[in-house]
N, C-alpha and C. Protein backbone atom coordinates (compact mmCIF):
# COMPACT_ATOMS: atom_id res chain seq x y z
N MET A 1 17.97 -9.63 13.49
CA MET A 1 17.58 -9.46 11.91
C MET A 1 16.21 -8.79 11.23
N LYS A 2 17.09 -8.86 10.59
CA LYS A 2 16.38 -8.11 9.23
C LYS A 2 14.80 -9.10 8.56
N LYS A 3 14.09 -8.27 8.78
CA LYS A 3 13.05 -9.24 8.31
C LYS A 3 13.16 -9.04 6.65
N ALA A 4 12.26 -10.04 5.92
CA ALA A 4 12.29 -9.60 4.09
C ALA A 4 11.36 -8.73 4.05
N CYS A 5 10.70 -7.23 2.95
CA CYS A 5 10.25 -6.99 2.43
C CYS A 5 9.38 -7.76 2.07
N LEU A 6 7.83 -6.97 2.06
CA LEU A 6 6.88 -7.71 1.24
C LEU A 6 6.79 -7.08 0.21
N ARG A 7 7.06 -8.56 -1.05
CA ARG A 7 6.95 -7.78 -2.04
C ARG A 7 5.63 -8.33 -3.23
N PHE A 8 5.32 -7.51 -3.76
CA PHE A 8 3.92 -7.69 -4.89
C PHE A 8 4.12 -7.94 -6.29
N PRO A 9 3.55 -8.85 -6.45
CA PRO A 9 3.70 -9.05 -7.96
C PRO A 9 3.32 -8.33 -8.99
N GLY A 10 3.57 -8.26 -9.97
CA GLY A 10 3.20 -7.46 -10.87
C GLY A 10 4.23 -6.12 -11.58
N GLN A 11 3.54 -5.45 -12.52
CA GLN A 11 4.48 -3.88 -12.36
C GLN A 11 4.26 -3.10 -11.68
N PRO A 12 5.19 -2.16 -10.85
CA PRO A 12 4.86 -0.88 -9.98
C PRO A 12 4.04 -0.07 -10.67
N PRO A 13 3.96 1.10 -9.95
CA PRO A 13 2.98 2.07 -10.52
C PRO A 13 3.48 2.74 -11.45
N ASN A 14 2.82 2.98 -11.95
CA ASN A 14 3.46 4.56 -13.01
C ASN A 14 2.95 6.08 -11.99
N LEU A 15 4.11 6.11 -11.96
CA LEU A 15 4.11 7.62 -10.56
C LEU A 15 4.03 8.51 -11.81
N GLN A 16 4.04 9.45 -12.83
CA GLN A 16 3.15 10.55 -14.29
C GLN A 16 1.78 9.87 -13.46
N ASN A 17 1.50 8.46 -13.88
CA ASN A 17 -0.49 8.52 -13.80
C ASN A 17 -0.82 7.34 -12.37
N LEU A 18 -0.60 7.85 -11.75
CA LEU A 18 -1.58 6.82 -10.65
C LEU A 18 -2.43 7.52 -10.59
N PRO A 19 -2.93 5.67 -9.96
CA PRO A 19 -4.75 5.36 -10.02
C PRO A 19 -5.45 6.74 -8.54
N LYS A 20 -6.74 6.74 -8.96
CA LYS A 20 -7.12 7.10 -7.70
C LYS A 20 -7.28 6.37 -6.16
N GLY A 21 -6.39 6.43 -5.33
CA GLY A 21 -6.29 6.25 -4.26
C GLY A 21 -5.33 5.05 -4.10
N CYS A 22 -5.74 3.86 -3.74
CA CYS A 22 -4.41 3.33 -3.29
C CYS A 22 -3.33 2.47 -4.71
N ALA A 23 -1.84 3.22 -4.92
CA ALA A 23 -1.42 3.06 -6.27
C ALA A 23 -1.19 1.72 -6.62
N TYR A 24 -1.30 0.89 -4.84
CA TYR A 24 -1.29 -0.69 -5.39
C TYR A 24 -1.78 -1.77 -5.50
N GLN A 25 -3.18 -0.74 -5.48
CA GLN A 25 -4.87 -1.51 -5.87
C GLN A 25 -4.72 -2.99 -7.08
N GLU A 26 -3.98 -2.49 -7.80
CA GLU A 26 -4.49 -3.40 -9.23
C GLU A 26 -3.46 -4.96 -7.97
N ARG A 27 -2.73 -4.31 -8.05
CA ARG A 27 -1.16 -5.55 -6.92
C ARG A 27 -2.12 -6.01 -6.02
N CYS A 28 -2.43 -5.95 -5.04
CA CYS A 28 -2.59 -6.29 -3.88
C CYS A 28 -3.25 -7.39 -3.51
N ALA A 29 -3.80 -8.64 -2.69
CA ALA A 29 -4.33 -9.50 -2.50
C ALA A 29 -5.97 -9.32 -1.14
N TYR A 30 -5.17 -7.61 -1.52
CA TYR A 30 -6.29 -7.59 -0.04
C TYR A 30 -6.75 -6.12 -0.63
N VAL A 31 -6.57 -5.65 -1.80
CA VAL A 31 -8.29 -4.73 -1.76
C VAL A 31 -9.19 -4.30 -1.77
N SER A 32 -10.01 -3.96 -1.10
CA SER A 32 -11.44 -3.08 -0.81
C SER A 32 -11.57 -2.13 -1.97
N ASP A 33 -12.70 -1.96 -2.09
CA ASP A 33 -13.07 -0.72 -2.46
C ASP A 33 -13.00 0.54 -2.11
N ARG A 34 -12.87 0.77 -0.71
CA ARG A 34 -12.11 1.83 0.42
C ARG A 34 -10.67 2.13 -0.40
N CYS A 35 -9.29 1.53 -0.68
CA CYS A 35 -8.51 0.78 -1.49
C CYS A 35 -8.66 1.60 -2.76
N CYS A 36 -10.05 2.07 -3.85
CA CYS A 36 -10.13 2.11 -4.74
C CYS A 36 -10.44 4.19 -4.59
N LEU A 37 -10.82 4.25 -4.22
CA LEU A 37 -11.77 5.34 -3.49
C LEU A 37 -10.74 6.09 -2.88
N GLU A 38 -9.86 6.19 -1.72
CA GLU A 38 -8.94 6.61 -0.61
C GLU A 38 -7.43 5.99 -0.91
N ARG A 39 -6.94 7.26 -0.77
CA ARG A 39 -5.30 7.30 -0.69
C ARG A 39 -4.81 6.76 0.93
N PRO A 40 -4.12 6.30 1.39
CA PRO A 40 -3.68 5.66 2.91
C PRO A 40 -2.60 6.66 3.58
N MET A 41 -2.71 7.21 4.41
CA MET A 41 -1.73 7.99 4.75
C MET A 41 -0.61 7.03 5.49
N LEU A 42 0.85 7.55 4.50
CA LEU A 42 1.81 6.97 5.67
C LEU A 42 2.35 6.65 6.84
N LYS A 43 2.12 5.66 7.25
CA LYS A 43 2.23 5.89 9.28
C LYS A 43 3.36 4.92 9.30
N GLY A 44 4.31 6.09 10.23
CA GLY A 44 5.54 5.23 10.26
C GLY A 44 6.20 4.25 11.74
N PHE A 45 6.30 3.51 11.98
CA PHE A 45 6.71 2.59 12.43
C PHE A 45 7.58 3.24 14.39
N GLY A 46 8.60 4.37 13.98
CA GLY A 46 8.94 4.14 14.72
C GLY A 46 10.58 3.90 14.73
N ASP A 47 10.43 2.41 13.99
CA ASP A 47 11.62 2.05 13.96
C ASP A 47 12.84 1.40 12.21
N GLY A 48 12.50 2.60 11.87
CA GLY A 48 12.32 3.32 9.80
C GLY A 48 11.62 2.48 9.24
N ARG A 49 10.98 2.02 9.52
CA ARG A 49 9.44 0.88 8.77
C ARG A 49 8.15 1.41 8.91
N ALA A 50 7.62 1.83 7.37
CA ALA A 50 6.72 2.58 7.29
C ALA A 50 5.71 1.83 6.48
N SER A 51 4.48 2.05 6.68
CA SER A 51 3.35 1.42 6.09
C SER A 51 2.32 2.80 5.64
N ALA A 52 1.68 2.23 4.24
CA ALA A 52 0.43 3.23 4.03
C ALA A 52 -0.36 2.06 2.84
N CYS A 53 -1.22 1.51 3.73
CA CYS A 53 -2.42 0.49 4.02
C CYS A 53 -3.13 0.99 5.48
N PHE A 54 -5.01 0.88 4.24
CA PHE A 54 -6.25 0.58 4.94
C PHE A 54 -5.79 -0.16 5.97
N ARG A 55 -5.30 -1.72 5.96
CA ARG A 55 -5.24 -2.68 6.50
C ARG A 55 -4.80 -3.21 7.72
N GLU A 56 -3.47 -1.86 8.00
CA GLU A 56 -2.80 -1.98 8.92
C GLU A 56 -3.80 -1.53 9.57
N ASP A 57 -5.24 -0.44 9.52
CA ASP A 57 -5.66 -0.08 10.91
C ASP A 57 -6.51 -1.29 11.45
N GLY A 58 -6.50 -2.37 10.63
CA GLY A 58 -7.75 -3.61 10.97
C GLY A 58 -8.16 -3.56 10.38
N GLN A 59 -8.63 -3.02 9.42
CA GLN A 59 -10.17 -2.96 8.49
C GLN A 59 -9.73 -3.42 7.11
């Protein structure tokens, strides 16, 4: 059974003018100072899913 994708409120980021750090920082309820300074690396889970989020690290 497929799990529903996480949805973010608001508009997607402008790909021609991405902010410094995480592209979802203005839409994410879990944003931290680190998100505004660094872009998280995309990590695959080996089952077709991937995440680019510092929170996934437990931080």
